[in-house]
Amino acid sequence: MGKTEKKENRYGLLGKNISYSFSQGYFTKKFEQLGLNDHSYENFDIPDISEFKSVLAEANLKGLNVTIPYKQDVIPFLDELDAKASKIGAVNTIKFVDNGLKGFNTDAYGFKEALQKFLKPHHKKALVLGTGGASKAICFVLDELGIDRAYVSRTPQKNQFTYGDLTKEIMEEYTVIINCTPLGTHPNTDNKPDVPYQHIGSKHLLFDLIYNPEKTTFLALGEANGATISNGLEMLLGQAEKAWEIWNTP
């Protein structure tokens, strides 16, 4: 748990090994700028989702963000899901409402806002690296935008590619590549998804949900081959602002 001073209106981030997270600093600064001296934001770093009950026992909680690895695991603890979160199957924002806890997904909003400015007419197909909770919001947005997409995972699943399946032809066909895995996150910055980078070129758009470091090895290798790149910071800013809006909408 964080050591933030506990205020009358408490918000926080639920996750595992989240000391690196951007959210606490972002919201703490936001509260200061808005003069909300009775607001605080803290990390609820728990080793297992079963510990979520101890978080709920804390006083004065008004809202929570949820990050890896609990975006799906937290759903059984909630009383209600927003329609979009229900369709996506993952929650990254929780609002404390009169009848309990309501789950939302603002990752989809943040990702869509961040991605659209980079899209070109030839970006018709996307590879989604990783199959966790974050990837579900990404696939929801790709479907909304009419971009065909395929999952890539380490273990063979029906209608998915494995990393070993990624031939030159597939890489040339799928010109959007989105990293939804934690590979490359600080401090393990040398790690990267095992895609054939030699087949990435100037028509590719690489988007990494990671924002720390600013440029992951995945993005750097793509950029070296002429690809357009974006990290996850703008997505993060978008989803955070959307969460704040949800918490403050009656």
C-alpha atoms as a PDB file:
ATOM      1  CA  MET A   1       0.000   0.000   0.000  1.00  0.00           C
ATOM      2  CA  GLY A   2       1.137   3.536  -0.624  1.00  0.00           C
ATOM      3  CA  LYS A   3       2.136   5.902   2.190  1.00  0.00           C
ATOM      4  CA  THR A   4       0.030   8.757   0.881  1.00  0.00           C
ATOM      5  CA  GLU A   5      -1.767  10.822   3.505  1.00  0.00           C
ATOM      6  CA  LYS A   6      -5.342   9.580   3.723  1.00  0.00           C
ATOM      7  CA  LYS A   7      -7.821  12.300   2.871  1.00  0.00           C
ATOM      8  CA  GLU A   8     -11.591  12.672   2.869  1.00  0.00           C
ATOM      9  CA  ASN A   9     -11.820  11.732  -0.828  1.00  0.00           C
ATOM     10  CA  ARG A  10      -9.502   8.850  -1.646  1.00  0.00           C
ATOM     11  CA  TYR A  11      -8.702   7.419  -5.054  1.00  0.00           C
ATOM     12  CA  GLY A  12      -6.120   4.876  -6.050  1.00  0.00           C
ATOM     13  CA  LEU A  13      -4.621   2.288  -8.362  1.00  0.00           C
ATOM     14  CA  LEU A  14      -5.167  -1.440  -7.879  1.00  0.00           C
ATOM     15  CA  GLY A  15      -2.448  -3.666  -9.297  1.00  0.00           C
ATOM     16  CA  LYS A  16       0.625  -5.786  -8.633  1.00  0.00           C
ATOM     17  CA  ASN A  17       4.199  -4.431  -8.552  1.00  0.00           C
ATOM     18  CA  ILE A  18       3.004  -0.951  -9.479  1.00  0.00           C
ATOM     19  CA  SER A  19       5.600   1.295  -7.850  1.00  0.00           C
ATOM     20  CA  TYR A  20       6.579   2.434 -11.371  1.00  0.00           C
ATOM     21  CA  SER A  21       3.066   3.621 -12.181  1.00  0.00           C
ATOM     22  CA  PHE A  22       2.311   7.036 -13.606  1.00  0.00           C
ATOM     23  CA  SER A  23      -1.159   7.339 -12.064  1.00  0.00           C
ATOM     24  CA  GLN A  24      -0.286   8.359  -8.503  1.00  0.00           C
ATOM     25  CA  GLY A  25       1.940  11.228  -9.577  1.00  0.00           C
ATOM     26  CA  TYR A  26      -0.494  12.324 -12.275  1.00  0.00           C
ATOM     27  CA  PHE A  27      -3.549  12.520 -10.032  1.00  0.00           C
ATOM     28  CA  THR A  28      -1.641  13.975  -7.070  1.00  0.00           C
ATOM     29  CA  LYS A  29      -0.498  16.822  -9.325  1.00  0.00           C
ATOM     30  CA  LYS A  30      -4.004  17.187 -10.760  1.00  0.00           C
ATOM     31  CA  PHE A  31      -5.534  17.503  -7.290  1.00  0.00           C
ATOM     32  CA  GLU A  32      -2.955  20.162  -6.362  1.00  0.00           C
ATOM     33  CA  GLN A  33      -3.680  22.140  -9.538  1.00  0.00           C
ATOM     34  CA  LEU A  34      -7.426  21.995  -8.888  1.00  0.00           C
ATOM     35  CA  GLY A  35      -6.987  22.984  -5.244  1.00  0.00           C
ATOM     36  CA  LEU A  36      -8.572  19.736  -4.066  1.00  0.00           C
ATOM     37  CA  ASN A  37      -6.753  19.537  -0.756  1.00  0.00           C
ATOM     38  CA  ASP A  38      -9.162  16.920   0.580  1.00  0.00           C
ATOM     39  CA  HIS A  39      -8.346  14.491  -2.275  1.00  0.00           C
ATOM     40  CA  SER A  40      -5.584  11.882  -2.348  1.00  0.00           C
ATOM     41  CA  TYR A  41      -4.437   9.129  -4.723  1.00  0.00           C
ATOM     42  CA  GLU A  42      -2.494   6.086  -3.598  1.00  0.00           C
ATOM     43  CA  ASN A  43      -1.244   2.732  -4.842  1.00  0.00           C
ATOM     44  CA  PHE A  44      -3.012  -0.406  -3.632  1.00  0.00           C
ATOM     45  CA  ASP A  45      -0.328  -2.931  -4.515  1.00  0.00           C
ATOM     46  CA  ILE A  46      -1.674  -6.396  -3.744  1.00  0.00           C
ATOM     47  CA  PRO A  47      -0.073  -9.817  -4.406  1.00  0.00           C
ATOM     48  CA  ASP A  48      -3.385 -11.509  -5.280  1.00  0.00           C
ATOM     49  CA  ILE A  49      -6.872 -10.343  -6.251  1.00  0.00           C
ATOM     50  CA  SER A  50      -8.275 -12.015  -3.110  1.00  0.00           C
ATOM     51  CA  GLU A  51      -6.664  -9.112  -1.198  1.00  0.00           C
ATOM     52  CA  PHE A  52      -9.053  -6.705  -2.937  1.00  0.00           C
ATOM     53  CA  LYS A  53     -11.499  -7.171  -0.074  1.00  0.00           C
ATOM     54  CA  SER A  54      -9.001  -5.582   2.315  1.00  0.00           C
ATOM     55  CA  VAL A  55      -8.756  -2.590  -0.032  1.00  0.00           C
ATOM     56  CA  LEU A  56     -12.539  -2.227  -0.026  1.00  0.00           C
ATOM     57  CA  ALA A  57     -12.465  -2.096   3.775  1.00  0.00           C
ATOM     58  CA  GLU A  58     -10.497   1.174   3.573  1.00  0.00           C
ATOM     59  CA  ALA A  59     -12.448   4.333   4.448  1.00  0.00           C
ATOM     60  CA  ASN A  60     -13.466   7.165   2.117  1.00  0.00           C
ATOM     61  CA  LEU A  61     -12.700   5.447  -1.189  1.00  0.00           C
ATOM     62  CA  LYS A  62     -14.416   7.186  -4.117  1.00  0.00           C
ATOM     63  CA  GLY A  63     -12.842   5.543  -7.147  1.00  0.00           C
ATOM     64  CA  LEU A  64     -10.130   3.163  -8.320  1.00  0.00           C
ATOM     65  CA  ASN A  65      -8.105   2.528 -11.423  1.00  0.00           C
ATOM     66  CA  VAL A  66      -7.140  -1.083 -12.171  1.00  0.00           C
ATOM     67  CA  THR A  67      -3.994  -2.229 -13.936  1.00  0.00           C
ATOM     68  CA  ILE A  68      -2.062  -5.422 -14.709  1.00  0.00           C
ATOM     69  CA  PRO A  69      -2.826  -8.162 -13.817  1.00  0.00           C
ATOM     70  CA  TYR A  70      -6.322  -7.550 -12.400  1.00  0.00           C
ATOM     71  CA  LYS A  71      -8.365  -5.980 -15.230  1.00  0.00           C
ATOM     72  CA  GLN A  72     -10.304  -9.218 -15.710  1.00  0.00           C
ATOM     73  CA  ASP A  73      -9.884 -10.747 -12.246  1.00  0.00           C
ATOM     74  CA  VAL A  74     -11.597  -7.803 -10.544  1.00  0.00           C
ATOM     75  CA  ILE A  75     -14.906  -8.256 -12.407  1.00  0.00           C
ATOM     76  CA  PRO A  76     -16.438 -10.869 -10.052  1.00  0.00           C
ATOM     77  CA  PHE A  77     -16.064  -8.376  -7.183  1.00  0.00           C
ATOM     78  CA  LEU A  78     -18.171  -5.734  -8.932  1.00  0.00           C
ATOM     79  CA  ASP A  79     -21.919  -5.209  -8.688  1.00  0.00           C
ATOM     80  CA  GLU A  80     -22.411  -3.694 -12.124  1.00  0.00           C
ATOM     81  CA  LEU A  81     -20.589  -3.194 -15.422  1.00  0.00           C
ATOM     82  CA  ASP A  82     -20.886  -0.339 -17.871  1.00  0.00           C
ATOM     83  CA  ALA A  83     -22.090  -1.605 -21.264  1.00  0.00           C
ATOM     84  CA  LYS A  84     -18.721  -1.014 -22.934  1.00  0.00           C
ATOM     85  CA  ALA A  85     -16.762  -2.706 -20.128  1.00  0.00           C
ATOM     86  CA  SER A  86     -19.130  -5.663 -20.336  1.00  0.00           C
ATOM     87  CA  LYS A  87     -18.561  -6.012 -24.071  1.00  0.00           C
ATOM     88  CA  ILE A  88     -14.799  -5.658 -23.735  1.00  0.00           C
ATOM     89  CA  GLY A  89     -14.564  -8.058 -20.784  1.00  0.00           C
ATOM     90  CA  ALA A  90     -12.046  -5.975 -18.859  1.00  0.00           C
ATOM     91  CA  VAL A  91     -12.245  -3.151 -16.300  1.00  0.00           C
ATOM     92  CA  ASN A  92      -9.683  -0.443 -15.579  1.00  0.00           C
ATOM     93  CA  THR A  93     -11.900   2.045 -13.700  1.00  0.00           C
ATOM     94  CA  ILE A  94     -14.172   1.444 -10.702  1.00  0.00           C
ATOM     95  CA  LYS A  95     -16.733   3.920  -9.438  1.00  0.00           C
ATOM     96  CA  PHE A  96     -18.205   3.661  -5.967  1.00  0.00           C
ATOM     97  CA  VAL A  97     -21.959   4.087  -6.469  1.00  0.00           C
ATOM     98  CA  ASP A  98     -24.985   3.883  -4.180  1.00  0.00           C
ATOM     99  CA  ASN A  99     -25.588   0.201  -4.868  1.00  0.00           C
ATOM    100  CA  GLY A 100     -21.950  -0.913  -4.754  1.00  0.00           C
ATOM    101  CA  LEU A 101     -19.156  -0.968  -7.317  1.00  0.00           C
ATOM    102  CA  LYS A 102     -19.526  -0.223 -11.023  1.00  0.00           C
ATOM    103  CA  GLY A 103     -16.825  -1.137 -13.521  1.00  0.00           C
ATOM    104  CA  PHE A 104     -15.849   0.863 -16.606  1.00  0.00           C
ATOM    105  CA  ASN A 105     -13.211   0.576 -19.314  1.00  0.00           C
ATOM    106  CA  THR A 106     -11.498   3.843 -20.247  1.00  0.00           C
ATOM    107  CA  ASP A 107      -8.531   2.129 -21.931  1.00  0.00           C
ATOM    108  CA  ALA A 108     -10.600   1.872 -25.104  1.00  0.00           C
ATOM    109  CA  TYR A 109     -11.273   5.619 -25.110  1.00  0.00           C
ATOM    110  CA  GLY A 110      -7.622   6.483 -24.475  1.00  0.00           C
ATOM    111  CA  PHE A 111      -6.325   4.082 -27.116  1.00  0.00           C
ATOM    112  CA  LYS A 112      -8.739   5.262 -29.794  1.00  0.00           C
ATOM    113  CA  GLU A 113      -7.846   8.909 -29.189  1.00  0.00           C
ATOM    114  CA  ALA A 114      -4.116   8.114 -29.360  1.00  0.00           C
ATOM    115  CA  LEU A 115      -4.203   5.767 -32.361  1.00  0.00           C
ATOM    116  CA  GLN A 116      -6.423   7.590 -34.820  1.00  0.00           C
ATOM    117  CA  LYS A 117      -3.985  10.411 -35.619  1.00  0.00           C
ATOM    118  CA  PHE A 118      -1.441   7.894 -36.949  1.00  0.00           C
ATOM    119  CA  LEU A 119      -3.729   5.803 -39.138  1.00  0.00           C
ATOM    120  CA  LYS A 120      -3.254   5.809 -42.910  1.00  0.00           C
ATOM    121  CA  PRO A 121      -5.468   4.201 -45.581  1.00  0.00           C
ATOM    122  CA  HIS A 122      -3.145   1.184 -45.872  1.00  0.00           C
ATOM    123  CA  HIS A 123      -3.476   0.384 -42.147  1.00  0.00           C
ATOM    124  CA  LYS A 124      -6.161  -2.241 -42.663  1.00  0.00           C
ATOM    125  CA  LYS A 125      -4.851  -5.135 -40.547  1.00  0.00           C
ATOM    126  CA  ALA A 126      -3.326  -5.264 -37.057  1.00  0.00           C
ATOM    127  CA  LEU A 127      -1.362  -7.775 -35.008  1.00  0.00           C
ATOM    128  CA  VAL A 128      -2.200  -7.600 -31.301  1.00  0.00           C
ATOM    129  CA  LEU A 129       0.693  -8.918 -29.217  1.00  0.00           C
ATOM    130  CA  GLY A 130      -0.596 -10.482 -25.993  1.00  0.00           C
ATOM    131  CA  THR A 131      -4.020 -11.700 -24.937  1.00  0.00           C
ATOM    132  CA  GLY A 132      -4.482 -10.176 -21.454  1.00  0.00           C
ATOM    133  CA  GLY A 133      -6.995  -7.643 -20.186  1.00  0.00           C
ATOM    134  CA  ALA A 134      -5.379  -4.670 -21.935  1.00  0.00           C
ATOM    135  CA  SER A 135      -5.570  -6.381 -25.314  1.00  0.00           C
ATOM    136  CA  LYS A 136      -9.335  -6.736 -25.031  1.00  0.00           C
ATOM    137  CA  ALA A 137      -9.850  -2.970 -25.068  1.00  0.00           C
ATOM    138  CA  ILE A 138      -7.461  -2.643 -28.007  1.00  0.00           C
ATOM    139  CA  CYS A 139      -9.369  -5.245 -30.032  1.00  0.00           C
ATOM    140  CA  PHE A 140     -12.656  -3.511 -29.197  1.00  0.00           C
ATOM    141  CA  VAL A 141     -11.320  -0.268 -30.701  1.00  0.00           C
ATOM    142  CA  LEU A 142      -9.866  -1.981 -33.774  1.00  0.00           C
ATOM    143  CA  ASP A 143     -13.270  -3.555 -34.406  1.00  0.00           C
ATOM    144  CA  GLU A 144     -14.909  -0.123 -34.059  1.00  0.00           C
ATOM    145  CA  LEU A 145     -12.458   1.316 -36.589  1.00  0.00           C
ATOM    146  CA  GLY A 146     -12.978  -1.527 -39.052  1.00  0.00           C
ATOM    147  CA  ILE A 147      -9.391  -2.767 -38.792  1.00  0.00           C
ATOM    148  CA  ASP A 148      -9.024  -6.543 -39.091  1.00  0.00           C
ATOM    149  CA  ARG A 149      -6.958  -7.900 -36.233  1.00  0.00           C
ATOM    150  CA  ALA A 150      -5.287 -11.084 -35.085  1.00  0.00           C
ATOM    151  CA  TYR A 151      -3.882 -12.036 -31.709  1.00  0.00           C
ATOM    152  CA  VAL A 152      -0.291 -13.184 -31.372  1.00  0.00           C
ATOM    153  CA  SER A 153       0.586 -15.271 -28.323  1.00  0.00           C
ATOM    154  CA  ARG A 154       3.324 -17.601 -27.163  1.00  0.00           C
ATOM    155  CA  THR A 155       0.997 -20.603 -26.971  1.00  0.00           C
ATOM    156  CA  PRO A 156      -1.020 -21.827 -29.961  1.00  0.00           C
ATOM    157  CA  GLN A 157      -4.741 -21.016 -29.778  1.00  0.00           C
ATOM    158  CA  LYS A 158      -7.496 -21.295 -32.335  1.00  0.00           C
ATOM    159  CA  ASN A 159      -7.603 -18.318 -34.742  1.00  0.00           C
ATOM    160  CA  GLN A 160      -4.387 -16.865 -33.318  1.00  0.00           C
ATOM    161  CA  PHE A 161      -0.811 -16.614 -34.522  1.00  0.00           C
ATOM    162  CA  THR A 162       2.159 -17.688 -32.473  1.00  0.00           C
ATOM    163  CA  TYR A 163       5.342 -15.638 -32.750  1.00  0.00           C
ATOM    164  CA  GLY A 164       6.856 -18.481 -34.779  1.00  0.00           C
ATOM    165  CA  ASP A 165       4.067 -18.135 -37.348  1.00  0.00           C
ATOM    166  CA  LEU A 166       5.017 -14.574 -38.280  1.00  0.00           C
ATOM    167  CA  THR A 167       6.415 -14.874 -41.797  1.00  0.00           C
ATOM    168  CA  LYS A 168       7.542 -12.050 -44.081  1.00  0.00           C
ATOM    169  CA  GLU A 169       4.178 -12.264 -45.879  1.00  0.00           C
ATOM    170  CA  ILE A 170       2.164 -11.940 -42.661  1.00  0.00           C
ATOM    171  CA  MET A 171       4.271  -9.032 -41.446  1.00  0.00           C
ATOM    172  CA  GLU A 172       3.802  -7.208 -44.753  1.00  0.00           C
ATOM    173  CA  GLU A 173       0.052  -7.825 -44.652  1.00  0.00           C
ATOM    174  CA  TYR A 174      -0.451  -6.645 -41.058  1.00  0.00           C
ATOM    175  CA  THR A 175       0.924  -3.108 -41.032  1.00  0.00           C
ATOM    176  CA  VAL A 176      -0.254  -2.148 -37.523  1.00  0.00           C
ATOM    177  CA  ILE A 177       1.483  -3.926 -34.614  1.00  0.00           C
ATOM    178  CA  ILE A 178       0.359  -3.239 -31.053  1.00  0.00           C
ATOM    179  CA  ASN A 179       2.292  -4.463 -28.032  1.00  0.00           C
ATOM    180  CA  CYS A 180      -0.094  -5.294 -25.182  1.00  0.00           C
ATOM    181  CA  THR A 181       2.474  -7.345 -23.262  1.00  0.00           C
ATOM    182  CA  PRO A 182       4.623  -5.980 -20.403  1.00  0.00           C
ATOM    183  CA  LEU A 183       7.803  -6.937 -22.275  1.00  0.00           C
ATOM    184  CA  GLY A 184      10.232  -4.037 -22.233  1.00  0.00           C
ATOM    185  CA  THR A 185       8.817  -2.224 -19.205  1.00  0.00           C
ATOM    186  CA  HIS A 186      11.355  -0.554 -16.892  1.00  0.00           C
ATOM    187  CA  PRO A 187      13.603  -1.922 -15.452  1.00  0.00           C
ATOM    188  CA  ASN A 188      13.689  -4.840 -17.922  1.00  0.00           C
ATOM    189  CA  THR A 189      14.137  -2.555 -20.896  1.00  0.00           C
ATOM    190  CA  ASP A 190      16.094  -5.030 -23.034  1.00  0.00           C
ATOM    191  CA  ASN A 191      13.103  -7.340 -23.268  1.00  0.00           C
ATOM    192  CA  LYS A 192      10.926  -7.213 -26.364  1.00  0.00           C
ATOM    193  CA  PRO A 193       8.195  -9.191 -28.136  1.00  0.00           C
ATOM    194  CA  ASP A 194       9.709 -11.896 -30.351  1.00  0.00           C
ATOM    195  CA  VAL A 195       8.555 -10.623 -33.736  1.00  0.00           C
ATOM    196  CA  PRO A 196      10.707 -10.684 -36.908  1.00  0.00           C
ATOM    197  CA  TYR A 197      11.767  -7.037 -36.875  1.00  0.00           C
ATOM    198  CA  GLN A 198      13.630  -7.415 -40.165  1.00  0.00           C
ATOM    199  CA  HIS A 199      10.260  -7.534 -41.921  1.00  0.00           C
ATOM    200  CA  ILE A 200       9.068  -4.218 -40.464  1.00  0.00           C
ATOM    201  CA  GLY A 201       9.245  -1.267 -42.831  1.00  0.00           C
ATOM    202  CA  SER A 202       8.067   2.261 -43.547  1.00  0.00           C
ATOM    203  CA  LYS A 203       4.430   1.252 -43.999  1.00  0.00           C
ATOM    204  CA  HIS A 204       4.212  -0.118 -40.457  1.00  0.00           C
ATOM    205  CA  LEU A 205       2.750   1.587 -37.409  1.00  0.00           C
ATOM    206  CA  LEU A 206       4.031   0.247 -34.087  1.00  0.00           C
ATOM    207  CA  PHE A 207       2.107   1.160 -30.943  1.00  0.00           C
ATOM    208  CA  ASP A 208       3.353   0.117 -27.511  1.00  0.00           C
ATOM    209  CA  LEU A 209       1.051   0.370 -24.490  1.00  0.00           C
ATOM    210  CA  ILE A 210       4.193   0.745 -22.364  1.00  0.00           C
ATOM    211  CA  TYR A 211       5.187   4.319 -21.484  1.00  0.00           C
ATOM    212  CA  ASN A 212       8.194   3.662 -19.229  1.00  0.00           C
ATOM    213  CA  PRO A 213      10.690   3.768 -20.903  1.00  0.00           C
ATOM    214  CA  GLU A 214       9.518   6.368 -23.379  1.00  0.00           C
ATOM    215  CA  LYS A 215      10.951   4.322 -26.253  1.00  0.00           C
ATOM    216  CA  THR A 216      10.985   0.578 -25.722  1.00  0.00           C
ATOM    217  CA  THR A 217      13.272  -1.773 -27.615  1.00  0.00           C
ATOM    218  CA  PHE A 218      10.185  -2.845 -29.607  1.00  0.00           C
ATOM    219  CA  LEU A 219       9.625   0.740 -30.755  1.00  0.00           C
ATOM    220  CA  ALA A 220      13.321   1.499 -31.307  1.00  0.00           C
ATOM    221  CA  LEU A 221      13.788  -1.510 -33.590  1.00  0.00           C
ATOM    222  CA  GLY A 222      10.676  -0.570 -35.555  1.00  0.00           C
ATOM    223  CA  GLU A 223      11.782   3.043 -35.874  1.00  0.00           C
ATOM    224  CA  ALA A 224      15.217   1.933 -37.118  1.00  0.00           C
ATOM    225  CA  ASN A 225      13.440   0.203 -40.013  1.00  0.00           C
ATOM    226  CA  GLY A 226      11.367   3.269 -40.881  1.00  0.00           C
ATOM    227  CA  ALA A 227       8.149   2.476 -39.021  1.00  0.00           C
ATOM    228  CA  THR A 228       5.939   5.114 -37.408  1.00  0.00           C
ATOM    229  CA  ILE A 229       5.935   4.609 -33.623  1.00  0.00           C
ATOM    230  CA  SER A 230       3.944   5.653 -30.585  1.00  0.00           C
ATOM    231  CA  ASN A 231       4.214   4.749 -26.917  1.00  0.00           C
ATOM    232  CA  GLY A 232       1.308   4.462 -24.492  1.00  0.00           C
ATOM    233  CA  LEU A 233       1.594   7.830 -22.730  1.00  0.00           C
ATOM    234  CA  GLU A 234      -1.125   9.636 -24.651  1.00  0.00           C
ATOM    235  CA  MET A 235      -3.426   6.634 -24.239  1.00  0.00           C
ATOM    236  CA  LEU A 236      -2.708   6.730 -20.521  1.00  0.00           C
ATOM    237  CA  LEU A 237      -3.476  10.440 -20.284  1.00  0.00           C
ATOM    238  CA  GLY A 238      -6.735   9.914 -22.161  1.00  0.00           C
ATOM    239  CA  GLN A 239      -7.920   7.028 -20.024  1.00  0.00           C
ATOM    240  CA  ALA A 240      -6.992   8.877 -16.813  1.00  0.00           C
ATOM    241  CA  GLU A 241      -8.998  11.958 -17.787  1.00  0.00           C
ATOM    242  CA  LYS A 242     -11.945   9.775 -18.786  1.00  0.00           C
ATOM    243  CA  ALA A 243     -11.765   8.011 -15.410  1.00  0.00           C
ATOM    244  CA  TRP A 244     -11.802  11.384 -13.622  1.00  0.00           C
ATOM    245  CA  GLU A 245     -14.860  12.367 -15.660  1.00  0.00           C
ATOM    246  CA  ILE A 246     -16.641   9.119 -14.699  1.00  0.00           C
ATOM    247  CA  TRP A 247     -15.861   9.549 -11.005  1.00  0.00           C
ATOM    248  CA  ASN A 248     -17.294  13.064 -11.097  1.00  0.00           C
ATOM    249  CA  THR A 249     -20.433  12.363 -13.126  1.00  0.00           C
ATOM    250  CA  PRO A 250     -23.486  11.879 -10.862  1.00  0.00           C
END
